């Protein structure tokens, strides 16, 4: 304890030499950073798609904007086409309903006409085809007619023939004359109602009209009736 003291030697040189080296942890950190940077560069250059230039990026954005605009336009056109298709479907449904209603009304009207034709008094002259009723009237252009034909106990196929009107009246030169109008084709099953008009010579004043039902032009007489012209 009380021995001779020894001098303390401080080696400043060796201490400075040890301080010149980098710490191990720092070296490992730098190596990791370099390896990471190299890995990033390798992935970008070898694995990932090539990086775009500024002009290529601008062109890509423009192409995307154009494609998006086309998508929106096509979507709008599709919506418009869908609305048009729905409207067409609704219109077709409405027309179908109207057509069904019209057919129903036509069937009812046909039944009503058949009932009225059967209810008309028989033609006093008889015949294979009877003239049950008729209305003949004078117009500015000639003669208008409505004629109801019928067959008593109709069976089989309709009777085909013609109806011819013979107008009798005063001629422009004075005196009575008769004019045969153009025949009208008929096909009578149980009944048939004919409506129409025929021209008359200028100045001719009809008084009465003979309705003649023929088997054909110039053929046998199937029925006839004389009516006054109103």
Protein backbone atom coordinates (compact mmCIF):
# COMPACT_ATOMS: atom_id res chain seq x y z
CA UNK A 1 0.00 0.00 0.00
CA UNK A 2 2.78 2.31 0.78
CA UNK A 3 5.01 0.94 -1.90
CA UNK A 4 6.71 2.89 -4.54
CA UNK A 5 4.38 4.57 -7.00
CA UNK A 6 4.68 3.68 -10.62
CA UNK A 7 4.44 6.21 -13.42
CA UNK A 8 1.30 6.10 -15.53
CA UNK A 9 2.04 5.83 -19.22
CA UNK A 10 -0.58 7.22 -21.65
CA UNK A 11 -0.27 5.88 -25.17
CA UNK A 12 -1.95 8.64 -27.14
CA UNK A 13 -0.79 7.23 -30.44
CA UNK A 14 -2.51 3.88 -30.12
CA UNK A 15 -5.71 5.59 -29.00
CA UNK A 16 -5.71 7.79 -32.07
CA UNK A 17 -5.09 4.81 -34.30
CA UNK A 18 -8.11 2.92 -32.96
CA UNK A 19 -10.37 5.96 -33.45
CA UNK A 20 -9.54 6.14 -37.17
CA UNK A 21 -11.60 2.92 -38.04
CA UNK A 22 -15.45 2.99 -38.64
CA UNK A 23 -17.73 1.28 -36.17
CA UNK A 24 -18.97 -2.10 -37.23
CA UNK A 25 -22.60 -1.16 -37.03
CA UNK A 26 -22.04 1.78 -39.35
CA UNK A 27 -20.28 -0.41 -41.85
CA UNK A 28 -23.17 -2.90 -41.83
CA UNK A 29 -25.66 -0.07 -42.25
CA UNK A 30 -23.83 1.32 -45.26
CA UNK A 31 -23.57 -2.13 -46.82
CA UNK A 32 -27.34 -2.69 -46.32
CA UNK A 33 -28.16 0.67 -47.88
CA UNK A 34 -25.98 -0.08 -50.88
CA UNK A 35 -27.51 -3.52 -51.29
CA UNK A 36 -31.01 -2.04 -51.05
CA UNK A 37 -30.25 0.62 -53.62
CA UNK A 38 -28.78 -2.00 -55.94
CA UNK A 39 -31.85 -4.18 -55.48
CA UNK A 40 -34.15 -1.25 -56.29
CA UNK A 41 -32.16 -0.45 -59.42
CA UNK A 42 -32.19 -4.12 -60.46
CA UNK A 43 -35.96 -4.43 -60.00
CA UNK A 44 -36.63 -1.21 -61.89
CA UNK A 45 -34.35 -2.15 -64.78
CA UNK A 46 -34.94 -5.90 -65.02
CA UNK A 47 -38.33 -6.73 -63.50
CA UNK A 48 -40.63 -3.71 -63.70
CA UNK A 49 -41.82 -2.25 -67.03
CA UNK A 50 -39.65 0.39 -68.54
CA UNK A 51 -40.19 3.83 -67.12
CA UNK A 52 -41.99 6.27 -69.38
CA UNK A 53 -40.58 9.51 -70.53
CA UNK A 54 -42.38 12.80 -70.00
CA UNK A 55 -43.82 12.80 -73.53
CA UNK A 56 -44.90 9.18 -73.21
CA UNK A 57 -46.61 9.93 -69.90
CA UNK A 58 -48.44 12.88 -71.47
CA UNK A 59 -49.55 10.73 -74.41
CA UNK A 60 -50.70 7.99 -72.02
CA UNK A 61 -52.77 10.45 -70.00
CA UNK A 62 -54.31 11.83 -73.20
CA UNK A 63 -55.17 8.31 -74.39
CA UNK A 64 -56.74 7.49 -71.05
CA UNK A 65 -58.80 10.68 -71.11
CA UNK A 66 -60.00 9.86 -74.65
CA UNK A 67 -60.88 6.29 -73.69
CA UNK A 68 -62.78 7.52 -70.64
CA UNK A 69 -64.70 10.04 -72.77
CA UNK A 70 -65.60 7.26 -75.25
CA UNK A 71 -66.71 5.07 -72.35
CA UNK A 72 -69.00 7.79 -71.04
CA UNK A 73 -70.39 8.44 -74.55
CA UNK A 74 -71.09 4.74 -75.11
CA UNK A 75 -72.69 4.49 -71.69
CA UNK A 76 -74.96 7.43 -72.53
CA UNK A 77 -75.84 5.89 -75.92
CA UNK A 78 -76.61 2.58 -74.22
CA UNK A 79 -78.89 4.32 -71.73
CA UNK A 80 -80.66 6.13 -74.59
CA UNK A 81 -81.04 2.88 -76.56
CA UNK A 82 -82.43 1.18 -73.47
CA UNK A 83 -84.98 3.95 -72.99
CA UNK A 84 -85.94 3.79 -76.68
CA UNK A 85 -86.35 0.02 -76.49
CA UNK A 86 -88.53 0.33 -73.42
CA UNK A 87 -90.63 3.01 -75.10
CA UNK A 88 -90.97 0.85 -78.24
CA UNK A 89 -92.00 -2.14 -76.13
CA UNK A 90 -94.61 -0.05 -74.33
CA UNK A 91 -95.91 1.34 -77.64
CA UNK A 92 -96.12 -2.16 -79.15
CA UNK A 93 -98.00 -3.34 -76.07
CA UNK A 94 -100.42 -0.42 -76.38
CA UNK A 95 -100.93 -1.07 -80.11
CA UNK A 96 -101.50 -4.76 -79.40
CA UNK A 97 -104.14 -3.91 -76.84
CA UNK A 98 -105.79 -1.48 -79.26
CA UNK A 99 -105.71 -4.10 -82.02
CA UNK A 100 -107.30 -6.68 -79.73
CA UNK A 101 -109.98 -4.15 -78.75
CA UNK A 102 -110.58 -3.29 -82.43
CA UNK A 103 -110.94 -6.96 -83.33
CA UNK A 104 -113.36 -7.44 -80.48
CA UNK A 105 -115.37 -4.42 -81.64
CA UNK A 106 -115.32 -5.71 -85.23
CA UNK A 107 -116.63 -9.09 -84.10
CA UNK A 108 -119.38 -7.42 -82.11
CA UNK A 109 -120.23 -5.20 -85.08
CA UNK A 110 -120.32 -8.26 -87.36
CA UNK A 111 -122.65 -10.01 -84.95
CA UNK A 112 -124.84 -6.90 -84.74
CA UNK A 113 -125.01 -6.64 -88.54
CA UNK A 114 -125.90 -10.33 -88.79
CA UNK A 115 -128.64 -9.86 -86.21
CA UNK A 116 -130.07 -6.80 -87.95
CA UNK A 117 -129.90 -8.47 -91.37
CA UNK A 118 -131.78 -11.47 -90.01
CA UNK A 119 -134.34 -9.15 -88.40
CA UNK A 120 -135.09 -7.31 -91.67
CA UNK A 121 -138.29 -8.33 -93.45
CA UNK A 122 -137.78 -10.77 -96.31
CA UNK A 123 -137.71 -9.58 -99.90
CA UNK A 124 -141.27 -9.85 -101.24
CA UNK A 125 -139.93 -11.04 -104.59
CA UNK A 126 -137.81 -13.75 -102.98
CA UNK A 127 -134.88 -15.21 -104.92
CA UNK A 128 -131.70 -17.11 -104.13
CA UNK A 129 -130.21 -13.84 -102.84
CA UNK A 130 -132.73 -11.44 -101.31
CA UNK A 131 -132.44 -7.67 -101.25
CA UNK A 132 -133.58 -7.16 -97.66
CA UNK A 133 -133.09 -3.39 -97.50
CA UNK A 134 -131.55 -0.58 -99.55
CA UNK A 135 -131.08 3.16 -99.52
CA UNK A 136 -130.31 4.92 -102.78
CA UNK A 137 -129.57 8.65 -102.74
CA UNK A 138 -128.46 11.23 -105.24
CA UNK A 139 -125.21 13.11 -104.70
CA UNK A 140 -123.29 15.80 -106.54
CA UNK A 141 -121.06 13.15 -108.12
CA UNK A 142 -123.70 10.53 -108.95
CA UNK A 143 -125.54 7.88 -107.01
CA UNK A 144 -124.75 6.63 -103.48
CA UNK A 145 -126.07 3.26 -102.37
CA UNK A 146 -126.35 1.06 -99.29
CA UNK A 147 -127.74 -2.41 -99.96
CA UNK A 148 -128.27 -5.32 -97.54
CA UNK A 149 -128.25 -8.75 -99.17
CA UNK A 150 -129.13 -12.01 -97.43
CA UNK A 151 -129.61 -15.72 -98.09
CA UNK A 152 -132.37 -17.63 -96.40
CA UNK A 153 -131.02 -20.79 -94.73
CA UNK A 154 -127.51 -20.20 -96.12
CA UNK A 155 -125.38 -23.31 -96.29
CA UNK A 156 -122.07 -24.16 -97.86
CA UNK A 157 -119.74 -21.71 -99.51
CA UNK A 158 -120.79 -18.09 -100.27
CA UNK A 159 -122.69 -17.33 -103.47
CA UNK A 160 -120.48 -15.32 -105.79
CA UNK A 161 -121.92 -12.96 -108.35
CA UNK A 162 -122.45 -9.29 -109.11
CA UNK A 163 -124.86 -6.57 -108.10
CA UNK A 164 -125.90 -4.16 -110.82
CA UNK A 165 -127.88 -0.96 -110.34
CA UNK A 166 -130.14 0.30 -113.13
CA UNK A 167 -131.11 3.96 -112.58
CA UNK A 168 -134.26 5.27 -114.25
CA UNK A 169 -134.99 8.98 -114.53
CA UNK A 170 -135.09 12.08 -116.71
CA UNK A 171 -132.38 12.53 -119.32
CA UNK A 172 -130.85 15.94 -120.12
CA UNK A 173 -132.75 15.98 -123.45
CA UNK A 174 -136.06 15.23 -121.78
CA UNK A 175 -137.95 12.00 -121.51
CA UNK A 176 -137.39 8.97 -119.31
CA UNK A 177 -134.33 6.79 -119.75
CA UNK A 178 -132.51 4.02 -117.87
CA UNK A 179 -128.78 3.78 -117.23
CA UNK A 180 -127.03 0.58 -116.13
CA UNK A 181 -124.19 1.25 -113.72
CA UNK A 182 -121.03 -0.79 -113.44
CA UNK A 183 -121.54 -4.16 -111.70
CA UNK A 184 -120.12 -4.72 -108.22
CA UNK A 185 -118.71 -8.12 -107.22
CA UNK A 186 -120.40 -9.84 -104.27
CA UNK A 187 -119.90 -13.01 -102.18
CA UNK A 188 -122.94 -13.61 -99.97
CA UNK A 189 -122.75 -16.23 -97.25
CA UNK A 190 -125.58 -15.40 -94.85
CA UNK A 191 -125.60 -11.66 -95.43
CA UNK A 192 -123.58 -8.85 -96.98
CA UNK A 193 -123.87 -5.08 -96.80
CA UNK A 194 -122.62 -3.12 -99.79
CA UNK A 195 -121.83 0.59 -99.67
CA UNK A 196 -120.45 2.77 -102.42
CA UNK A 197 -121.19 5.28 -105.14
CA UNK A 198 -121.32 5.39 -108.93
CA UNK A 199 -121.08 8.33 -111.36
CA UNK A 200 -124.04 9.46 -113.46
CA UNK A 201 -124.10 11.46 -116.72
CA UNK A 202 -124.30 15.20 -116.30
CA UNK A 203 -127.87 16.45 -116.24
CA UNK A 204 -129.40 13.04 -115.59
CA UNK A 205 -131.97 13.07 -112.75
CA UNK A 206 -132.62 9.57 -111.31
CA UNK A 207 -136.09 8.78 -109.94
CA UNK A 208 -135.84 5.14 -109.06
CA UNK A 209 -133.23 2.39 -109.08
CA UNK A 210 -133.57 -1.33 -109.80
CA UNK A 211 -131.18 -3.50 -107.80
CA UNK A 212 -130.33 -6.67 -109.67
CA UNK A 213 -128.30 -9.55 -108.23
CA UNK A 214 -126.86 -11.74 -110.96
CA UNK A 215 -124.86 -14.95 -111.07
CA UNK A 216 -122.32 -12.97 -113.10
CA UNK A 217 -122.26 -10.17 -115.67
CA UNK A 218 -125.14 -11.01 -117.99
CA UNK A 219 -125.86 -14.20 -116.00
CA UNK A 220 -129.07 -15.57 -114.44
CA UNK A 221 -131.00 -13.35 -112.05
CA UNK A 222 -130.64 -14.31 -108.37
CA UNK A 223 -132.66 -11.49 -106.85
CA UNK A 224 -134.04 -8.03 -107.62
CA UNK A 225 -135.81 -5.09 -106.02
CA UNK A 226 -136.90 -1.60 -107.05
CA UNK A 227 -136.20 1.35 -104.74
CA UNK A 228 -136.95 5.06 -105.05
CA UNK A 229 -134.02 7.46 -105.18
CA UNK A 230 -133.96 9.97 -102.37
